[in-house]
Protein backbone atom coordinates (compact mmCIF):
# COMPACT_ATOMS: atom_id res chain seq x y z
CA UNK A 1 -135.17 90.72 83.11
CA UNK A 2 -136.75 90.18 86.53
CA UNK A 3 -134.93 91.01 89.75
CA UNK A 4 -134.55 87.34 90.85
CA UNK A 5 -133.13 86.44 87.43
CA UNK A 6 -130.70 89.37 87.58
CA UNK A 7 -129.60 88.30 91.06
CA UNK A 8 -129.06 84.75 89.79
CA UNK A 9 -126.92 86.03 86.93
CA UNK A 10 -124.78 88.04 89.34
CA UNK A 11 -124.05 84.86 91.29
CA UNK A 12 -123.35 83.04 88.03
CA UNK A 13 -120.87 85.73 86.97
CA UNK A 14 -119.04 85.29 90.27
CA UNK A 15 -118.89 81.54 89.67
CA UNK A 16 -117.66 82.13 86.14
CA UNK A 17 -114.87 84.33 87.45
CA UNK A 18 -113.87 81.54 89.83
CA UNK A 19 -113.78 79.11 86.89
CA UNK A 20 -111.41 81.44 85.02
CA UNK A 21 -109.12 81.70 88.05
CA UNK A 22 -109.17 77.97 88.84
CA UNK A 23 -108.74 76.62 85.29
CA UNK A 24 -105.13 75.85 84.45
CA UNK A 25 -105.87 74.92 80.83
CA UNK A 26 -108.40 75.69 78.12
CA UNK A 27 -109.64 72.09 78.37
CA UNK A 28 -110.44 72.51 82.08
CA UNK A 29 -112.08 75.88 81.52
CA UNK A 30 -114.46 74.59 78.85
CA UNK A 31 -115.36 71.51 80.89
CA UNK A 32 -116.25 73.68 83.90
CA UNK A 33 -118.03 76.19 81.67
CA UNK A 34 -120.57 73.75 80.23
CA UNK A 35 -121.37 72.36 83.68
CA UNK A 36 -121.88 75.84 85.09
CA UNK A 37 -124.06 76.89 82.14
CA UNK A 38 -126.27 73.82 82.55
CA UNK A 39 -126.87 74.91 86.15
CA UNK A 40 -127.40 78.60 85.43
CA UNK A 41 -129.80 78.38 82.48
CA UNK A 42 -132.82 76.21 83.26
CA UNK A 43 -134.48 74.00 82.26
CA UNK A 44 -131.55 72.55 80.30
CA UNK A 45 -131.01 68.84 79.66
CA UNK A 46 -127.55 69.24 78.18
CA UNK A 47 -124.94 71.83 77.27
CA UNK A 48 -121.91 71.79 74.96
CA UNK A 49 -119.34 74.01 73.28
CA UNK A 50 -118.68 73.59 69.55
CA UNK A 51 -115.43 74.87 68.07
CA UNK A 52 -113.87 74.52 64.64
CA UNK A 53 -110.42 73.14 63.91
CA UNK A 54 -108.97 72.74 60.42
CA UNK A 55 -112.45 73.57 59.05
CA UNK A 56 -113.96 70.67 60.98
CA UNK A 57 -116.38 71.16 63.90
CA UNK A 58 -115.79 69.34 67.16
CA UNK A 59 -117.26 69.33 70.64
CA UNK A 60 -114.60 70.73 72.94
CA UNK A 61 -116.69 70.08 76.09
CA UNK A 62 -120.12 68.70 77.01
CA UNK A 63 -122.10 68.49 80.23
CA UNK A 64 -123.21 64.94 79.49
CA UNK A 65 -123.31 62.25 76.81
CA UNK A 66 -126.59 63.57 75.38
CA UNK A 67 -125.05 66.90 74.34
CA UNK A 68 -122.12 65.15 72.69
CA UNK A 69 -124.40 62.74 70.84
CA UNK A 70 -126.67 65.49 69.50
CA UNK A 71 -123.66 67.57 68.43
CA UNK A 72 -122.20 64.65 66.54
CA UNK A 73 -125.47 64.12 64.65
CA UNK A 74 -125.12 67.68 63.36
CA UNK A 75 -121.48 67.13 62.40
CA UNK A 76 -122.45 63.99 60.51
CA UNK A 77 -125.19 65.84 58.62
CA UNK A 78 -123.03 68.97 58.28
CA UNK A 79 -126.16 70.85 59.26
CA UNK A 80 -127.84 71.96 62.46
CA UNK A 81 -128.34 74.85 64.89
CA UNK A 82 -124.91 74.65 66.55
CA UNK A 83 -123.18 74.78 63.15
CA UNK A 84 -125.38 77.67 62.00
CA UNK A 85 -124.48 79.65 65.14
CA UNK A 86 -120.77 78.93 64.66
CA UNK A 87 -120.77 79.76 60.96
CA UNK A 88 -123.06 82.80 60.89
CA UNK A 89 -122.42 84.35 64.30
CA UNK A 90 -126.18 84.51 64.87
CA UNK A 91 -128.19 83.19 67.81
CA UNK A 92 -130.17 80.14 66.68
CA UNK A 93 -133.37 79.39 68.60
CA UNK A 94 -135.49 76.26 68.15
CA UNK A 95 -138.82 76.61 69.95
CA UNK A 96 -140.28 73.24 69.00
CA UNK A 97 -138.25 70.59 67.21
CA UNK A 98 -141.42 68.69 66.29
CA UNK A 99 -142.65 71.54 64.10
CA UNK A 100 -139.22 72.79 62.98
CA UNK A 101 -138.71 72.88 59.20
CA UNK A 102 -134.95 73.53 59.13
CA UNK A 103 -132.22 70.84 59.20
CA UNK A 104 -134.28 67.95 57.85
CA UNK A 105 -131.43 65.50 58.26
CA UNK A 106 -130.78 66.47 61.88
CA UNK A 107 -134.32 67.06 63.17
CA UNK A 108 -135.60 63.40 63.30
CA UNK A 109 -132.52 62.20 65.18
CA UNK A 110 -132.74 65.12 67.60
CA UNK A 111 -136.33 64.15 68.40
CA UNK A 112 -135.33 60.51 68.79
CA UNK A 113 -132.76 61.58 71.38
CA UNK A 114 -135.39 63.55 73.30
CA UNK A 115 -134.42 67.07 72.22
CA UNK A 116 -137.54 69.23 71.93
CA UNK A 117 -135.98 72.72 71.87
CA UNK A 118 -132.54 74.29 71.81
CA UNK A 119 -130.58 77.52 71.84
CA UNK A 120 -127.15 77.99 70.27
CA UNK A 121 -125.29 81.20 71.08
CA UNK A 122 -122.04 82.22 69.32
CA UNK A 123 -119.09 83.09 71.57
CA UNK A 124 -116.99 85.93 70.22
CA UNK A 125 -113.46 87.02 71.08
CA UNK A 126 -112.17 90.31 69.65
CA UNK A 127 -115.11 90.41 67.28
CA UNK A 128 -114.47 86.91 65.90
CA UNK A 129 -116.76 83.91 66.46
CA UNK A 130 -114.60 81.23 68.07
CA UNK A 131 -117.22 78.84 69.46
CA UNK A 132 -120.92 78.17 69.92
CA UNK A 133 -122.51 77.54 73.31
CA UNK A 134 -125.30 75.00 72.81
CA UNK A 135 -128.23 74.48 75.20
CA UNK A 136 -130.57 71.52 74.68
CA UNK A 137 -133.90 70.96 76.45
CA UNK A 138 -136.33 68.05 76.63
CA UNK A 139 -139.40 70.30 76.54
CA UNK A 140 -140.68 72.51 73.74
CA UNK A 141 -140.50 76.28 74.20
CA UNK A 142 -137.99 75.87 77.04
CA UNK A 143 -136.23 79.08 76.05
CA UNK A 144 -139.01 81.58 76.54
CA UNK A 145 -138.19 85.28 76.52
CA UNK A 146 -136.71 85.42 80.04
CA UNK A 147 -134.71 82.19 79.66
CA UNK A 148 -133.35 83.31 76.28
CA UNK A 149 -132.33 86.70 77.65
CA UNK A 150 -130.61 85.01 80.59
CA UNK A 151 -128.78 82.60 78.29
CA UNK A 152 -127.64 85.37 75.95
CA UNK A 153 -126.43 87.55 78.82
CA UNK A 154 -124.49 84.67 80.36
CA UNK A 155 -123.05 83.65 76.97
CA UNK A 156 -121.74 87.18 76.50
CA UNK A 157 -119.87 86.88 79.80
CA UNK A 158 -118.62 83.44 78.77
CA UNK A 159 -117.14 85.05 75.65
CA UNK A 160 -115.30 87.59 77.81
CA UNK A 161 -114.03 84.80 80.08
CA UNK A 162 -112.88 82.78 77.08
CA UNK A 163 -110.99 85.81 75.79
CA UNK A 164 -109.14 86.02 79.10
CA UNK A 165 -108.21 82.33 78.96
CA UNK A 166 -106.99 82.62 75.37
CA UNK A 167 -104.88 85.65 76.16
CA UNK A 168 -103.24 83.75 78.99
CA UNK A 169 -101.91 81.28 76.45
CA UNK A 170 -99.85 81.98 73.40
CA UNK A 171 -101.17 80.81 70.04
CA UNK A 172 -99.11 77.62 69.91
CA UNK A 173 -100.25 76.62 73.40
CA UNK A 174 -103.91 77.10 72.49
CA UNK A 175 -103.53 74.85 69.43
CA UNK A 176 -101.98 72.11 71.56
CA UNK A 177 -104.71 72.38 74.20
CA UNK A 178 -107.49 72.19 71.61
CA UNK A 179 -105.83 69.09 70.19
CA UNK A 180 -105.57 67.56 73.65
CA UNK A 181 -109.22 68.41 74.33
CA UNK A 182 -110.14 66.46 71.21
CA UNK A 183 -108.00 63.48 72.29
CA UNK A 184 -109.51 63.63 75.79
CA UNK A 185 -112.96 63.43 74.28
CA UNK A 186 -111.95 60.41 72.20
CA UNK A 187 -110.60 58.61 75.29
CA UNK A 188 -113.75 59.41 77.27
CA UNK A 189 -115.95 58.15 74.41
CA UNK A 190 -114.01 54.85 74.30
CA UNK A 191 -114.44 54.40 78.05
CA UNK A 192 -118.17 55.13 77.75
CA UNK A 193 -118.45 52.38 75.13
CA UNK A 194 -116.66 49.91 77.40
CA UNK A 195 -118.91 50.74 80.37
CA UNK A 196 -122.02 50.43 78.20
CA UNK A 197 -120.97 46.90 77.22
CA UNK A 198 -119.92 45.86 80.72
CA UNK A 199 -122.81 47.42 82.65
CA UNK A 200 -125.45 46.97 79.92
CA UNK A 201 -126.44 50.60 80.33
CA UNK A 202 -127.06 53.70 78.20
CA UNK A 203 -124.39 56.18 77.17
CA UNK A 204 -125.81 58.75 79.60
CA UNK A 205 -125.59 56.30 82.51
CA UNK A 206 -122.04 55.32 81.53
CA UNK A 207 -121.04 58.99 81.39
CA UNK A 208 -122.54 59.55 84.85
CA UNK A 209 -120.56 56.57 86.20
CA UNK A 210 -117.36 58.14 84.87
CA UNK A 211 -118.17 61.49 86.47
CA UNK A 212 -118.98 59.87 89.81
CA UNK A 213 -115.68 57.97 89.77
CA UNK A 214 -113.85 61.19 88.88
CA UNK A 215 -115.44 63.09 91.76
CA UNK A 216 -115.12 60.28 94.31
CA UNK A 217 -111.44 59.70 93.53
CA UNK A 218 -110.66 63.39 92.97
CA UNK A 219 -109.07 62.55 89.62
CA UNK A 220 -109.57 63.95 86.14
CA UNK A 221 -112.30 62.40 84.01
CA UNK A 222 -109.80 61.64 81.26
CA UNK A 223 -107.48 59.78 83.68
CA UNK A 224 -110.34 57.59 84.90
CA UNK A 225 -111.33 56.84 81.30
CA UNK A 226 -107.73 55.99 80.34
CA UNK A 227 -107.48 53.62 83.30
CA UNK A 228 -110.62 51.77 82.16
CA UNK A 229 -109.25 51.42 78.62
CA UNK A 230 -105.89 50.14 79.91
CA UNK A 231 -107.52 47.59 82.22
CA UNK A 232 -109.68 46.20 79.40
CA UNK A 233 -107.22 46.28 76.48
CA UNK A 234 -103.96 45.82 78.35
CA UNK A 235 -102.57 48.90 76.62
CA UNK A 236 -102.83 52.62 77.43
CA UNK A 237 -104.65 54.93 75.00
CA UNK A 238 -102.60 56.43 72.21
CA UNK A 239 -100.76 59.60 73.34
CA UNK A 240 -102.09 62.99 72.19
CA UNK A 241 -100.87 64.13 68.78
CA UNK A 242 -100.38 67.70 67.69
CA UNK A 243 -102.35 69.20 64.86
CA UNK A 244 -100.27 69.98 61.81
CA UNK A 245 -99.23 73.61 61.62
CA UNK A 246 -101.21 75.55 58.98
CA UNK A 247 -99.20 76.46 55.88
CA UNK A 248 -97.68 79.93 55.85
CA UNK A 249 -99.40 82.10 53.27
């Protein structure tokens, strides 16, 4: 790794440490993590974190609507690089989606959404794969040797940071926060749909409008989204529900 790249990673590690300190919940940590990763590893069009709950994959955080959309295509097909990384614990690199032969159900939709290459890196805690960090790019061969090494090094630190966050919460608290993260995503998705209809814009533009409102008003993205839903429907979004406790074996 070159000296400038190493210097950039050192700064990124410092920022990651600040994210750990500043994040009060797992939801906040993951949201900040994907945004930081999208800035650190370039050129990246979108970044997300895939986790698994009750044997079902879900996107716990995404840097923009594109990442969420591409993740959901893979969930629908039950096939794709982010799922392979999560299930096998291996790094999954796609140099050129146009010539890729894997994931035949996912590949055409990925290309339609402008994804030309990607890198999915498993995040491990105590030797167990708990999530996959997904990086999507609009150009083929975006993750050349140096970029891949940088992404893998940063992902390793993200795994350590995630371990710290998880250890700060007991097991029951983590389950609740993952459930709330899923509900937050549902509320945000509903608000994006409303903005798309009202503003006659794309999902990416609607997502950007939500983020701008969140930053300008210094309020959480979920709260802004809930306000939009309430104003349009006359009713607040359904409250978060807890996941059912797994049966005792």
